[in-house]
Protein backbone atom coordinates (compact mmCIF):
# COMPACT_ATOMS: atom_id res chain seq x y z
CA MET A 1 5.13 16.71 3.93
CA GLN A 2 4.26 14.99 0.68
CA ALA A 3 1.45 12.56 -0.09
CA ARG A 4 2.79 9.24 -1.34
CA PHE A 5 1.49 5.77 -2.07
CA ARG A 6 2.54 2.15 -2.18
CA ILE A 7 0.67 -0.39 -4.31
CA PHE A 8 0.28 -4.06 -3.35
CA ARG A 9 -0.86 -6.25 -6.24
CA SER A 10 -1.22 -9.88 -7.21
CA HIS A 11 -2.74 -12.04 -9.91
CA THR A 12 -2.46 -15.21 -7.82
CA SER A 13 -2.57 -14.41 -4.08
CA PRO A 14 -5.92 -14.43 -2.30
CA TRP A 15 -7.31 -11.12 -1.00
CA PRO A 16 -6.37 -11.83 2.66
CA ASN A 17 -2.68 -12.11 1.67
CA ILE A 18 -2.72 -8.85 -0.28
CA PHE A 19 -4.51 -7.01 2.53
CA ALA A 20 -2.13 -8.51 5.11
CA ALA A 21 0.90 -7.13 3.24
CA ALA A 22 -0.74 -3.70 2.86
CA THR A 23 -1.79 -3.47 6.49
CA ALA A 24 1.65 -4.58 7.71
CA PHE A 25 3.13 -1.63 5.81
CA ALA A 26 0.40 0.75 7.03
CA THR A 27 1.06 -0.29 10.62
CA THR A 28 4.72 0.74 10.31
CA LEU A 29 3.59 4.24 9.32
CA GLY A 30 1.43 4.86 12.37
CA PRO A 31 -1.93 6.63 12.43
CA GLU A 32 -0.46 10.12 12.16
CA ARG A 33 1.03 9.39 8.71
CA LEU A 34 -1.67 7.16 7.21
CA ILE A 35 -4.03 8.92 4.82
CA GLY A 36 -6.05 5.87 3.79
CA ILE A 37 -6.23 2.49 2.08
CA SER A 38 -8.07 1.79 -1.17
CA HIS A 39 -8.55 -1.33 -3.26
CA SER A 40 -9.72 -2.42 -6.68
CA HIS A 41 -9.84 -5.54 -8.82
CA GLU A 42 -10.03 -6.42 -12.47
CA GLN A 43 -10.61 -10.03 -13.46
CA SER A 44 -7.83 -11.86 -11.56
CA LEU A 45 -5.79 -8.80 -10.50
CA GLY A 46 -6.18 -7.61 -6.91
CA LEU A 47 -4.73 -4.23 -6.02
CA VAL A 48 -4.50 -2.41 -2.66
CA THR A 49 -3.04 1.10 -2.37
CA VAL A 50 -1.77 2.59 0.89
CA TRP A 51 -1.77 6.41 0.84
CA TYR A 52 0.47 8.14 3.39
CA TRP A 53 2.31 11.31 4.37
CA ALA A 54 6.11 11.33 3.94
CA LEU A 55 8.71 13.88 4.85
CA GLU A 56 10.17 15.63 1.82
CA THR A 57 13.62 14.27 2.72
CA GLU A 58 12.37 10.69 3.10
CA GLU A 59 13.37 8.31 0.31
CA TRP A 60 10.46 7.13 -1.83
CA GLY A 61 11.12 3.38 -1.54
CA PRO A 62 9.31 0.84 -3.72
CA LYS A 63 6.11 2.18 -5.24
CA GLU A 64 4.80 -1.27 -6.02
CA VAL A 65 4.96 -4.58 -4.16
CA HIS A 66 4.00 -7.87 -5.82
CA CYS A 67 2.41 -10.29 -3.35
């Protein structure tokens, strides 16, 4: 397995919308693949990162999602 991430970011969406998008993705992974969720902000930019385990053969998919 490989550790991977997906970033959810926005300059305009409120925090609940960004967290909703991140948790919807995390829910599809299931608890056995979820490593954790982190967040940060800088001025008007909100950023949430979902860290997860992926099979080596699994396609990477989008690394960043704009909310």
